[in-house]
């Protein structure tokens, strides 16, 4: 399986929304921490509060968050703070949100460790809330923040109400910084569904149909009838059809239409495409039509990709196509470009980060000509290892193409899912091998960096030697991974020769040739790097595994080519 990069979003709320200089000092610390991208800074005058959003890999996000909390504690004096929003600390809340490649449970563990570090190193007491809560009742932020900052003197001395980390009597330090709530929550998608009506009342009716809370049960007339109460005097509600959603209807004068405005609080329970289809169904039941969808803020890539695959499957089309194409299906299916162009690089969290990486001259961001020209230059990287990985990616792409052509072949409609599954496997292999293109060059760069280390003293020589060996081992392991991944392409090529569209059998054959070239080329890189290892046992194991893969690749390629020739000759 292709490795999914771990990305976490952090949305700290700081108790300063008026002093731009203070706000900038805090956000500067976040950006200077490195490895994260600052996405949004939203100060509020009345609330005297700023909501900041940044994303990155877990370790970088946690480090940036820690430094931001430290800076806020230095700059914000809670004894002087007044604002309309509930608050109890200079950094009031600090949620970690899983975006991709990481679970909510893993984010919760990161949040607990971060809370302990803040309390231990910064002496800022911390509560853990939502998924990171250490006490069930503290899942609710309101419980942690009960009484706000003014209640801290009492809470700090109460064993049941004291913070989870850093509990101590209310002193000058706590008086200045207050307490921070550190938590983990699911990604929230804010989305508006456009309706072909100007009626807020009808939009509200659809919103009440779908939102989890639903609508009050009434006696007689469903609109004007008396609201029913239970034995405790609480309003009896008729739940809506979508769990983990909140929604209302409103009219947007700018667009001249009414919308169902929704927050999806758990995209694992209610994915975006499920919400879209259900709003469409309920709108149609009321004589309305959803004309499009507006994403407010950012959205994780998987929400758009999952939607695209969902609509492709409804059409009995292969889902084993490039992500860009899948996302385009999602955009058109849900009308994400109804009100304005939907630009994935500006709306999808991961793609915002990828745009920064492309600026760093990743090989896979180059054109075909650009890649060839970069290889031809006198610099030693990219070299044979990167080219081998690229050949493997081309082999996987060719076999995937045959699978997609077969899935769409007239008369083979009943086999679309069979070939779609093969195409999905091919896209996973292509994605992984393209990652290895850049990994191989990175491995070479690590060796060069190690050789560039100082060697003036015995200690420096020892550290340099250890770094060279570590980098060399990595430089042997990366092409070995390329070999293993490229070897999986043979299964796909063989299946397409045996069962795929016979008119494309030559393409499957070329895919097998490319896969063999990838295995053999990467094998040479394993050998040359392993030969420089001082650990002879490790070197022998790497070379032995590489030679076995090379022998098997030669065998697989020969068998597949014989099969291709038989299909072409009609025998």
Protein backbone atom coordinates (compact mmCIF):
# COMPACT_ATOMS: atom_id res chain seq x y z
CA UNK A 1 0.00 0.00 0.00
CA UNK A 2 1.14 3.52 -0.76
CA UNK A 3 2.14 5.47 2.30
CA UNK A 4 -0.27 8.27 3.17
CA UNK A 5 1.47 11.29 4.57
CA UNK A 6 0.34 12.12 8.08
CA UNK A 7 -1.17 15.59 8.27
CA UNK A 8 -2.67 17.25 11.33
CA UNK A 9 -4.54 20.53 11.60
CA UNK A 10 -4.24 22.71 14.69
CA UNK A 11 -6.77 25.45 15.52
CA UNK A 12 -5.61 27.33 18.62
CA UNK A 13 -7.75 30.17 19.99
CA UNK A 14 -5.76 32.99 21.62
CA UNK A 15 -7.30 35.50 24.01
CA UNK A 16 -6.25 38.55 22.02
CA UNK A 17 -8.17 39.89 19.07
CA UNK A 18 -7.38 43.61 19.09
CA UNK A 19 -3.62 44.10 19.32
CA UNK A 20 -2.30 43.18 15.87
CA UNK A 21 1.29 43.32 17.07
CA UNK A 22 0.67 40.63 19.70
CA UNK A 23 -1.22 38.49 17.21
CA UNK A 24 1.60 38.77 14.67
CA UNK A 25 4.25 37.82 17.22
CA UNK A 26 2.32 34.62 17.96
CA UNK A 27 1.75 33.70 14.31
CA UNK A 28 5.39 34.51 13.49
CA UNK A 29 6.48 31.92 16.05
CA UNK A 30 4.22 29.35 14.38
CA UNK A 31 5.68 30.00 10.92
CA UNK A 32 9.24 30.14 12.18
CA UNK A 33 8.86 26.73 13.84
CA UNK A 34 9.15 25.18 10.37
CA UNK A 35 7.35 22.27 8.76
CA UNK A 36 3.88 23.81 9.03
CA UNK A 37 1.76 26.04 6.83
CA UNK A 38 -0.24 28.87 8.36
CA UNK A 39 -3.65 28.78 6.69
CA UNK A 40 -5.75 31.38 8.44
CA UNK A 41 -5.65 34.09 11.12
CA UNK A 42 -9.09 35.33 12.18
CA UNK A 43 -9.09 38.04 14.89
CA UNK A 44 -12.32 39.23 16.52
CA UNK A 45 -12.67 42.71 17.98
CA UNK A 46 -15.75 42.06 20.11
CA UNK A 47 -14.65 38.63 21.29
CA UNK A 48 -11.06 39.84 21.83
CA UNK A 49 -10.01 36.46 20.48
CA UNK A 50 -8.05 35.20 17.47
CA UNK A 51 -8.59 31.83 15.83
CA UNK A 52 -5.48 30.55 14.04
CA UNK A 53 -5.33 27.55 11.70
CA UNK A 54 -2.17 25.77 10.60
CA UNK A 55 -1.34 22.31 9.26
CA UNK A 56 1.63 20.01 8.84
CA UNK A 57 3.04 16.66 9.90
CA UNK A 58 2.32 15.70 13.53
CA UNK A 59 5.74 16.39 15.06
CA UNK A 60 6.03 19.80 13.38
CA UNK A 61 2.48 20.79 14.33
CA UNK A 62 2.97 19.83 17.97
CA UNK A 63 6.25 21.80 18.16
CA UNK A 64 4.70 24.89 16.54
CA UNK A 65 1.72 24.66 18.90
CA UNK A 66 3.98 24.45 21.94
CA UNK A 67 5.96 27.52 20.87
CA UNK A 68 2.75 29.44 20.15
CA UNK A 69 1.41 28.64 23.63
CA UNK A 70 4.70 29.77 25.14
CA UNK A 71 4.66 33.08 23.24
CA UNK A 72 0.99 33.72 24.07
CA UNK A 73 1.74 33.11 27.74
CA UNK A 74 4.49 35.71 27.59
CA UNK A 75 2.44 38.37 25.78
CA UNK A 76 -1.13 38.00 27.07
CA UNK A 77 -2.04 38.89 30.66
CA UNK A 78 -5.40 37.31 31.48
CA UNK A 79 -5.88 39.66 34.43
CA UNK A 80 -6.52 42.42 31.90
CA UNK A 81 -8.57 40.42 29.38
CA UNK A 82 -12.19 41.22 28.56
CA UNK A 83 -14.21 39.94 25.62
CA UNK A 84 -17.56 38.56 24.56
CA UNK A 85 -16.36 34.97 24.10
CA UNK A 86 -15.98 32.46 26.96
CA UNK A 87 -12.30 32.03 27.87
CA UNK A 88 -10.00 30.80 30.63
CA UNK A 89 -6.47 31.20 29.28
CA UNK A 90 -4.06 33.14 27.09
CA UNK A 91 -4.22 30.13 24.78
CA UNK A 92 -7.80 29.22 25.51
CA UNK A 93 -8.30 26.05 23.45
CA UNK A 94 -5.85 24.01 21.41
CA UNK A 95 -7.48 21.23 19.35
CA UNK A 96 -5.57 18.82 17.10
CA UNK A 97 -7.54 17.58 14.09
CA UNK A 98 -6.68 14.55 11.92
CA UNK A 99 -6.57 15.41 8.21
CA UNK A 100 -4.90 12.41 6.56
CA UNK A 101 -2.85 9.35 7.43
CA UNK A 102 -3.56 9.64 11.16
CA UNK A 103 -6.47 8.63 13.37
CA UNK A 104 -8.45 10.68 15.85
CA UNK A 105 -7.17 8.38 18.62
CA UNK A 106 -3.57 9.11 17.60
CA UNK A 107 -4.30 12.85 17.68
CA UNK A 108 -5.82 12.41 21.14
CA UNK A 109 -2.60 10.81 22.38
CA UNK A 110 -0.57 13.64 20.85
CA UNK A 111 -2.85 16.15 22.59
CA UNK A 112 -2.37 14.52 26.00
CA UNK A 113 1.41 14.50 25.61
CA UNK A 114 1.33 18.14 24.48
CA UNK A 115 -0.83 19.13 27.45
CA UNK A 116 1.62 17.48 29.86
CA UNK A 117 4.59 19.18 28.18
CA UNK A 118 2.91 22.60 28.37
CA UNK A 119 2.21 22.09 32.06
CA UNK A 120 5.68 20.70 32.85
CA UNK A 121 7.83 23.10 30.82
CA UNK A 122 5.73 26.27 30.70
CA UNK A 123 3.91 25.90 34.02
CA UNK A 124 0.59 26.54 32.27
CA UNK A 125 -2.07 24.18 33.67
CA UNK A 126 -3.99 22.17 31.06
CA UNK A 127 -7.32 20.40 30.77
CA UNK A 128 -7.80 17.64 28.18
CA UNK A 129 -11.12 17.76 26.34
CA UNK A 130 -13.17 16.03 23.63
CA UNK A 131 -11.42 12.89 22.34
CA UNK A 132 -8.33 13.58 24.51
CA UNK A 133 -10.37 13.83 27.71
CA UNK A 134 -9.02 11.89 30.70
CA UNK A 135 -12.37 12.17 32.50
CA UNK A 136 -15.63 11.35 30.63
CA UNK A 137 -17.38 14.57 31.64
CA UNK A 138 -14.50 16.65 30.26
CA UNK A 139 -15.22 15.58 26.71
CA UNK A 140 -17.48 18.64 26.80
CA UNK A 141 -15.34 21.80 26.58
CA UNK A 142 -17.97 23.72 28.53
CA UNK A 143 -17.32 21.50 31.57
CA UNK A 144 -13.58 22.25 31.44
CA UNK A 145 -14.19 25.96 31.01
CA UNK A 146 -17.06 26.28 33.51
CA UNK A 147 -16.91 29.64 35.25
CA UNK A 148 -14.23 30.79 32.82
CA UNK A 149 -11.06 32.53 33.97
CA UNK A 150 -12.77 34.06 37.01
CA UNK A 151 -13.49 30.59 38.47
CA UNK A 152 -9.89 29.40 38.35
CA UNK A 153 -8.95 30.40 41.94
CA UNK A 154 -11.66 28.07 43.25
CA UNK A 155 -11.12 25.27 40.66
CA UNK A 156 -7.35 25.09 41.13
CA UNK A 157 -7.86 24.14 44.77
CA UNK A 158 -10.62 21.58 44.12
CA UNK A 159 -9.42 18.05 43.38
CA UNK A 160 -12.49 17.31 41.24
CA UNK A 161 -12.26 20.52 39.19
CA UNK A 162 -8.50 21.02 38.97
CA UNK A 163 -6.71 20.73 35.60
CA UNK A 164 -5.49 17.34 34.36
CA UNK A 165 -1.89 18.55 34.22
CA UNK A 166 -0.15 21.26 36.23
CA UNK A 167 -2.66 21.45 39.07
CA UNK A 168 -1.48 23.71 41.91
CA UNK A 169 -2.84 26.51 44.10
CA UNK A 170 -3.83 29.65 42.18
CA UNK A 171 -0.64 31.72 42.01
CA UNK A 172 0.72 34.67 40.07
CA UNK A 173 1.72 32.48 37.13
CA UNK A 174 -1.77 31.01 36.73
CA UNK A 175 -3.26 34.45 37.24
CA UNK A 176 -1.30 35.70 34.27
CA UNK A 177 -1.65 32.81 31.79
CA UNK A 178 -4.85 31.15 32.94
CA UNK A 179 -5.41 27.53 31.86
CA UNK A 180 -5.43 25.93 28.43
CA UNK A 181 -7.77 23.22 27.12
CA UNK A 182 -5.90 20.83 24.81
CA UNK A 183 -7.97 18.38 22.82
CA UNK A 184 -8.55 16.34 19.70
CA UNK A 185 -11.62 16.48 17.51
CA UNK A 186 -12.73 15.41 14.07
CA UNK A 187 -12.37 17.65 11.05
CA UNK A 188 -15.43 19.86 10.69
CA UNK A 189 -16.69 20.62 7.20
CA UNK A 190 -18.76 23.77 6.78
CA UNK A 191 -20.87 23.40 3.64
CA UNK A 192 -23.82 25.21 2.08
CA UNK A 193 -26.21 23.48 -0.32
CA UNK A 194 -27.67 25.87 -2.89
CA UNK A 195 -31.41 25.62 -3.58
CA UNK A 196 -33.53 26.82 -6.48
CA UNK A 197 -35.67 28.93 -4.18
CA UNK A 198 -35.58 32.23 -2.34
CA UNK A 199 -37.63 30.89 0.58
CA UNK A 200 -35.80 30.70 3.89
CA UNK A 201 -38.74 28.80 5.39
CA UNK A 202 -38.48 26.05 2.79
CA UNK A 203 -34.71 25.89 3.16
CA UNK A 204 -35.20 25.55 6.92
CA UNK A 205 -37.67 22.73 6.35
CA UNK A 206 -35.02 20.77 4.44
CA UNK A 207 -32.42 21.60 7.09
CA UNK A 208 -34.71 20.25 9.83
CA UNK A 209 -35.36 17.11 7.75
CA UNK A 210 -31.67 16.21 7.68
CA UNK A 211 -29.91 17.66 10.74
CA UNK A 212 -29.31 15.24 13.61
CA UNK A 213 -31.27 17.37 16.08
CA UNK A 214 -34.29 17.35 13.77
CA UNK A 215 -37.40 19.40 14.61
CA UNK A 216 -39.86 19.74 17.51
CA UNK A 217 -42.83 17.38 17.43
CA UNK A 218 -46.07 19.37 17.29
CA UNK A 219 -49.70 18.58 17.89
CA UNK A 220 -51.87 18.94 14.81
CA UNK A 221 -50.37 21.42 12.34
CA UNK A 222 -46.63 20.58 11.86
CA UNK A 223 -45.77 24.29 11.66
CA UNK A 224 -48.12 26.13 14.01
CA UNK A 225 -49.21 23.29 16.31
CA UNK A 226 -48.33 23.22 19.98
CA UNK A 227 -44.90 21.79 20.72
CA UNK A 228 -45.09 18.47 22.59
CA UNK A 229 -43.25 18.08 25.89
CA UNK A 230 -42.14 14.99 27.79
CA UNK A 231 -42.79 14.26 31.47
CA UNK A 232 -39.83 16.46 32.45
CA UNK A 233 -41.08 19.37 30.38
CA UNK A 234 -38.44 18.96 27.67
CA UNK A 235 -39.35 19.45 24.01
CA UNK A 236 -39.84 16.17 22.15
CA UNK A 237 -37.76 16.16 18.98
CA UNK A 238 -38.18 14.26 15.73
CA UNK A 239 -34.53 13.42 14.76
CA UNK A 240 -33.26 14.19 11.29
CA UNK A 241 -31.72 11.66 8.92
CA UNK A 242 -28.04 12.67 9.11
CA UNK A 243 -25.97 11.93 12.21
CA UNK A 244 -23.20 14.36 13.24
CA UNK A 245 -24.73 17.31 11.39
CA UNK A 246 -26.07 20.72 12.33
CA UNK A 247 -28.06 22.73 9.79
CA UNK A 248 -30.27 25.75 9.25
CA UNK A 249 -31.81 27.43 6.22
CA UNK A 250 -31.03 30.99 5.19
CA UNK A 251 -31.26 33.41 2.27
CA UNK A 252 -28.07 34.81 0.74
CA UNK A 253 -28.76 38.17 -0.84
CA UNK A 254 -25.40 38.15 -2.67
CA UNK A 255 -26.44 35.07 -4.65
CA UNK A 256 -30.20 35.61 -4.64
CA UNK A 257 -30.87 32.06 -3.39
CA UNK A 258 -31.66 30.19 -0.21
CA UNK A 259 -29.23 27.62 1.15
CA UNK A 260 -29.15 24.76 3.62
CA UNK A 261 -26.14 25.73 5.73
CA UNK A 262 -24.59 22.67 7.39
CA UNK A 263 -21.73 21.75 9.69
CA UNK A 264 -20.64 18.12 9.38
CA UNK A 265 -18.98 17.43 12.72
CA UNK A 266 -17.82 13.87 11.96
CA UNK A 267 -17.01 13.11 8.33
CA UNK A 268 -16.48 9.44 9.18
CA UNK A 269 -20.12 9.13 10.27
CA UNK A 270 -21.58 11.36 7.54
CA UNK A 271 -19.28 11.86 4.53
CA UNK A 272 -19.79 14.92 2.35
CA UNK A 273 -21.30 12.98 -0.56
CA UNK A 274 -23.81 11.25 1.74
CA UNK A 275 -24.93 14.63 3.07
CA UNK A 276 -25.24 15.96 -0.50
CA UNK A 277 -27.39 13.05 -1.67
CA UNK A 278 -29.64 13.22 1.38
CA UNK A 279 -30.18 16.98 1.08
CA UNK A 280 -31.00 16.40 -2.61
CA UNK A 281 -33.56 13.72 -1.67
CA UNK A 282 -35.24 15.80 1.01
CA UNK A 283 -35.25 18.90 -1.20
CA UNK A 284 -36.90 16.95 -4.03
CA UNK A 285 -39.57 15.68 -1.62
CA UNK A 286 -40.44 19.33 -0.99
CA UNK A 287 -40.48 20.34 -4.66
CA UNK A 288 -37.01 21.86 -4.56
CA UNK A 289 -33.72 21.09 -6.27
CA UNK A 290 -30.13 21.37 -5.09
CA UNK A 291 -28.29 23.37 -7.76
CA UNK A 292 -24.81 23.20 -6.26
CA UNK A 293 -22.61 23.06 -3.19
CA UNK A 294 -20.41 25.68 -1.52
CA UNK A 295 -17.50 24.57 0.69
CA UNK A 296 -16.77 27.18 3.37
CA UNK A 297 -13.11 27.14 4.37
CA UNK A 298 -11.05 24.03 3.77
CA UNK A 299 -11.80 20.36 3.20
CA UNK A 300 -9.65 17.22 3.53
CA UNK A 301 -8.70 15.59 0.24
CA UNK A 302 -10.31 12.29 1.19
CA UNK A 303 -13.75 13.94 1.39
CA UNK A 304 -13.49 15.02 -2.25
CA UNK A 305 -11.82 11.81 -3.46
CA UNK A 306 -14.35 9.60 -1.64
CA UNK A 307 -17.16 11.62 -3.20
CA UNK A 308 -15.66 11.26 -6.68
CA UNK A 309 -15.31 7.49 -6.26
CA UNK A 310 -18.88 7.28 -4.95
CA UNK A 311 -20.31 8.97 -8.04
CA UNK A 312 -18.06 6.95 -10.39
CA UNK A 313 -19.31 3.72 -8.82
CA UNK A 314 -22.92 4.88 -9.27
CA UNK A 315 -22.09 5.23 -12.99
CA UNK A 316 -20.40 1.77 -13.03
CA UNK A 317 -17.14 3.46 -13.97
CA UNK A 318 -13.62 2.53 -12.89
CA UNK A 319 -12.28 4.35 -9.83
CA UNK A 320 -8.68 3.46 -10.70
CA UNK A 321 -7.91 6.78 -12.37
CA UNK A 322 -5.71 9.73 -11.33
CA UNK A 323 -6.88 11.62 -8.26
CA UNK A 324 -7.20 14.80 -10.29
CA UNK A 325 -9.82 13.12 -12.48
CA UNK A 326 -11.64 11.65 -9.49
CA UNK A 327 -11.80 15.06 -7.83
CA UNK A 328 -13.13 16.63 -11.01
CA UNK A 329 -15.99 14.11 -10.98
CA UNK A 330 -16.75 15.16 -7.40
CA UNK A 331 -16.72 18.85 -8.33
CA UNK A 332 -19.13 18.34 -11.21
CA UNK A 333 -21.37 15.83 -9.38
CA UNK A 334 -21.95 18.08 -6.37
CA UNK A 335 -21.78 21.40 -8.24
CA UNK A 336 -18.87 22.68 -6.18
CA UNK A 337 -18.24 25.27 -8.89
CA UNK A 338 -21.86 26.47 -8.98
CA UNK A 339 -21.23 29.89 -7.41
CA UNK A 340 -17.53 30.36 -8.13
CA UNK A 341 -14.67 28.23 -9.50
CA UNK A 342 -13.57 25.47 -7.14
CA UNK A 343 -9.77 25.54 -7.03
CA UNK A 344 -8.48 22.40 -5.22
CA UNK A 345 -5.08 24.00 -4.56
CA UNK A 346 -6.88 26.65 -2.52
CA UNK A 347 -9.61 24.57 -0.86
CA UNK A 348 -8.08 21.12 -0.18
CA UNK A 349 -5.80 21.00 2.88
CA UNK A 350 -3.26 18.52 1.51
CA UNK A 351 -3.01 20.30 -1.82
CA UNK A 352 -2.12 23.56 -0.09
CA UNK A 353 0.89 21.74 1.35
CA UNK A 354 1.69 20.01 -1.95
CA UNK A 355 1.81 23.39 -3.67
CA UNK A 356 4.63 24.40 -1.29
CA UNK A 357 6.46 21.14 -1.97
CA UNK A 358 6.29 21.68 -5.72
CA UNK A 359 8.05 25.01 -5.21
CA UNK A 360 10.86 22.97 -3.62
CA UNK A 361 11.54 21.38 -7.03
CA UNK A 362 10.30 17.84 -6.49
CA UNK A 363 11.24 15.65 -9.46
CA UNK A 364 7.68 14.41 -9.87
CA UNK A 365 6.53 18.01 -10.32
CA UNK A 366 8.66 18.35 -13.47
CA UNK A 367 7.41 17.88 -17.02
CA UNK A 368 8.51 14.77 -18.92
CA UNK A 369 11.07 16.88 -20.79
CA UNK A 370 12.11 18.61 -17.58
CA UNK A 371 12.75 15.28 -15.87
CA UNK A 372 14.83 14.04 -18.81
CA UNK A 373 16.82 17.27 -18.98
CA UNK A 374 17.44 17.25 -15.22
CA UNK A 375 18.70 13.68 -15.48
CA UNK A 376 21.02 14.61 -18.37
CA UNK A 377 22.75 17.42 -16.47
CA UNK A 378 26.18 16.90 -14.91
CA UNK A 379 24.77 16.73 -11.38
CA UNK A 380 24.68 13.09 -10.15
CA UNK A 381 21.06 13.26 -9.02
CA UNK A 382 18.55 12.24 -10.17
CA UNK A 383 20.30 9.05 -11.15
CA UNK A 384 19.54 5.46 -11.97
CA UNK A 385 17.53 4.82 -8.80
CA UNK A 386 15.06 7.61 -9.50
CA UNK A 387 14.81 6.64 -13.17
CA UNK A 388 14.20 3.02 -12.17
CA UNK A 389 11.34 4.07 -9.87
CA UNK A 390 9.87 6.17 -12.69
CA UNK A 391 10.02 3.22 -15.08
CA UNK A 392 8.15 1.17 -12.50
CA UNK A 393 5.52 3.90 -12.25
CA UNK A 394 5.13 3.88 -16.04
CA UNK A 395 4.73 0.10 -15.99
CA UNK A 396 1.98 0.36 -13.39
CA UNK A 397 0.34 3.18 -15.35
CA UNK A 398 0.27 1.16 -18.58
CA UNK A 399 -1.32 -1.86 -16.91
CA UNK A 400 -3.83 0.45 -15.20
CA UNK A 401 -4.69 1.97 -18.57
CA UNK A 402 -5.52 -1.50 -19.93
CA UNK A 403 -7.73 -2.13 -16.89
CA UNK A 404 -9.60 1.13 -17.41
CA UNK A 405 -10.03 0.50 -21.16
CA UNK A 406 -11.38 -2.94 -20.33
CA UNK A 407 -13.78 -1.56 -17.71
CA UNK A 408 -15.24 0.76 -20.33
CA UNK A 409 -15.24 -1.71 -23.26
CA UNK A 410 -18.66 -1.97 -24.97
CA UNK A 411 -20.25 -5.32 -24.14
CA UNK A 412 -18.18 -5.78 -20.98
CA UNK A 413 -20.40 -3.59 -18.79
CA UNK A 414 -21.00 -6.42 -16.31
CA UNK A 415 -17.23 -6.62 -15.66
CA UNK A 416 -16.63 -2.94 -14.81
CA UNK A 417 -16.06 -3.63 -11.10
CA UNK A 418 -13.59 -6.44 -11.80
CA UNK A 419 -11.39 -4.15 -13.87
CA UNK A 420 -11.97 -1.19 -11.57
CA UNK A 421 -10.43 -3.18 -8.73
CA UNK A 422 -7.36 -3.95 -10.86
CA UNK A 423 -7.10 -0.28 -11.81
CA UNK A 424 -7.28 0.74 -8.14
CA UNK A 425 -4.34 -1.56 -7.40
CA UNK A 426 -2.43 -0.05 -10.31
CA UNK A 427 -2.96 3.51 -9.09
CA UNK A 428 -1.69 2.56 -5.61
CA UNK A 429 1.49 1.14 -7.18
CA UNK A 430 1.95 4.16 -9.44
CA UNK A 431 1.55 6.56 -6.51
CA UNK A 432 4.04 4.64 -4.37
CA UNK A 433 6.64 4.44 -7.16
CA UNK A 434 6.35 8.14 -7.90
CA UNK A 435 7.05 8.81 -4.23
CA UNK A 436 10.15 6.62 -4.52
CA UNK A 437 11.39 8.74 -7.44
CA UNK A 438 11.97 11.62 -5.03
CA UNK A 439 12.97 9.36 -2.13
CA UNK A 440 15.88 7.94 -4.13
CA UNK A 441 17.27 11.39 -4.87
CA UNK A 442 16.75 12.34 -1.21
CA UNK A 443 18.79 9.24 -0.25
CA UNK A 444 21.69 10.43 -2.41
CA UNK A 445 21.45 13.92 -0.92
CA UNK A 446 21.70 12.44 2.58
CA UNK A 447 24.97 10.70 1.64
CA UNK A 448 26.40 13.93 0.26
CA UNK A 449 25.36 15.80 3.42
CA UNK A 450 27.06 13.17 5.57
CA UNK A 451 30.29 13.43 3.56
CA UNK A 452 30.14 17.20 4.07
CA UNK A 453 30.21 16.92 7.87
CA UNK A 454 33.30 18.26 9.71
CA UNK A 455 36.16 15.86 10.41
CA UNK A 456 38.65 17.96 12.37
CA UNK A 457 38.56 15.97 15.62
CA UNK A 458 38.30 12.27 16.44
CA UNK A 459 34.78 12.80 17.74
CA UNK A 460 33.75 14.62 14.52
CA UNK A 461 35.32 11.84 12.44
CA UNK A 462 33.35 9.24 14.38
CA UNK A 463 30.07 11.13 14.00
CA UNK A 464 30.77 11.66 10.29
CA UNK A 465 31.53 7.99 9.74
CA UNK A 466 28.35 6.92 11.53
CA UNK A 467 26.28 9.39 9.51
CA UNK A 468 27.77 8.12 6.23
CA UNK A 469 26.97 4.52 7.11
CA UNK A 470 23.41 5.41 8.17
CA UNK A 471 22.84 7.38 4.95
CA UNK A 472 24.36 4.58 2.84
CA UNK A 473 22.07 1.99 4.43
CA UNK A 474 19.08 4.21 3.64
CA UNK A 475 20.36 4.62 0.07
CA UNK A 476 20.32 0.82 -0.29
CA UNK A 477 16.93 0.37 1.36
CA UNK A 478 15.10 2.85 -0.89
CA UNK A 479 15.87 1.07 -4.20
CA UNK A 480 15.07 -2.25 -2.51
CA UNK A 481 11.63 -0.82 -1.77
CA UNK A 482 11.43 0.23 -5.44
CA UNK A 483 12.23 -3.36 -6.45
CA UNK A 484 9.53 -4.82 -4.20
CA UNK A 485 6.91 -2.36 -5.38
CA UNK A 486 7.80 -2.72 -9.07
CA UNK A 487 7.65 -6.52 -8.72
CA UNK A 488 3.95 -6.19 -7.84
CA UNK A 489 3.31 -4.66 -11.28
CA UNK A 490 3.81 -8.08 -12.92
CA UNK A 491 0.63 -9.45 -11.35
CA UNK A 492 -1.37 -6.58 -12.82
CA UNK A 493 0.26 -6.92 -16.27
CA UNK A 494 -0.33 -10.68 -16.30
CA UNK A 495 -4.00 -10.26 -15.40
CA UNK A 496 -4.49 -7.69 -18.15
CA UNK A 497 -2.84 -9.97 -20.76
CA UNK A 498 -5.03 -12.88 -19.66
CA UNK A 499 -8.38 -11.14 -19.12
CA UNK A 500 -8.11 -7.55 -20.38
CA UNK A 501 -9.05 -5.95 -23.67
CA UNK A 502 -7.05 -7.95 -26.26
CA UNK A 503 -6.66 -4.84 -28.41
CA UNK A 504 -4.45 -3.39 -25.66
CA UNK A 505 -2.36 -6.49 -24.93
CA UNK A 506 0.80 -4.84 -26.29
CA UNK A 507 0.41 -2.06 -23.71
CA UNK A 508 0.33 -4.64 -20.91
CA UNK A 509 3.46 -6.18 -22.44
CA UNK A 510 5.30 -2.86 -22.43
CA UNK A 511 4.20 -2.45 -18.81
CA UNK A 512 5.91 -5.75 -17.95
CA UNK A 513 9.07 -4.65 -19.76
CA UNK A 514 9.09 -1.40 -17.80
CA UNK A 515 8.53 -3.25 -14.53
CA UNK A 516 11.49 -5.57 -15.22
CA UNK A 517 13.70 -2.59 -16.10
CA UNK A 518 12.66 -0.96 -12.83
CA UNK A 519 13.51 -4.04 -10.78
CA UNK A 520 16.85 -4.60 -12.52
CA UNK A 521 17.85 -0.92 -12.36
CA UNK A 522 16.90 -0.54 -8.72
CA UNK A 523 18.76 -3.79 -8.02
CA UNK A 524 21.99 -2.32 -9.33
CA UNK A 525 21.54 0.61 -6.93
CA UNK A 526 20.98 -1.74 -4.00
CA UNK A 527 24.21 -3.56 -4.82
CA UNK A 528 26.42 -0.50 -5.30
CA UNK A 529 25.25 1.10 -2.06
CA UNK A 530 25.31 -2.12 -0.04
CA UNK A 531 28.91 -2.72 -1.13
CA UNK A 532 29.91 0.42 0.78
CA UNK A 533 28.48 -0.79 4.08
CA UNK A 534 30.88 -1.80 6.84
CA UNK A 535 28.24 -4.14 8.26
CA UNK A 536 28.91 -7.12 6.01
CA UNK A 537 25.95 -9.14 7.30
CA UNK A 538 23.55 -6.33 6.44
CA UNK A 539 25.19 -5.87 3.03
CA UNK A 540 24.97 -9.58 2.26
CA UNK A 541 21.28 -9.69 3.22
CA UNK A 542 20.43 -6.67 1.06
CA UNK A 543 22.31 -8.01 -1.98
CA UNK A 544 20.81 -11.48 -1.57
CA UNK A 545 17.27 -10.11 -1.46
CA UNK A 546 17.95 -7.89 -4.48
CA UNK A 547 19.35 -10.75 -6.56
CA UNK A 548 16.34 -12.92 -5.75
CA UNK A 549 13.99 -10.15 -6.89
CA UNK A 550 16.01 -9.62 -10.08
CA UNK A 551 15.87 -13.33 -10.96
CA UNK A 552 12.13 -13.48 -10.34
CA UNK A 553 11.56 -10.33 -12.43
CA UNK A 554 13.41 -11.86 -15.38
CA UNK A 555 11.23 -14.98 -15.09
CA UNK A 556 7.97 -13.00 -14.81
CA UNK A 557 8.79 -10.75 -17.74
CA UNK A 558 9.68 -13.72 -20.00
CA UNK A 559 6.43 -15.53 -19.19
CA UNK A 560 4.29 -12.45 -19.74
CA UNK A 561 5.98 -11.66 -23.06
CA UNK A 562 5.29 -15.20 -24.28
CA UNK A 563 1.64 -14.71 -23.36
CA UNK A 564 1.55 -11.37 -25.20
CA UNK A 565 3.01 -12.94 -28.35
CA UNK A 566 0.41 -15.71 -28.26
CA UNK A 567 -2.46 -13.21 -28.01
CA UNK A 568 -1.05 -11.08 -30.84
CA UNK A 569 -0.52 -14.12 -33.13
CA UNK A 570 -3.92 -15.54 -32.24
CA UNK A 571 -2.52 -18.83 -30.94
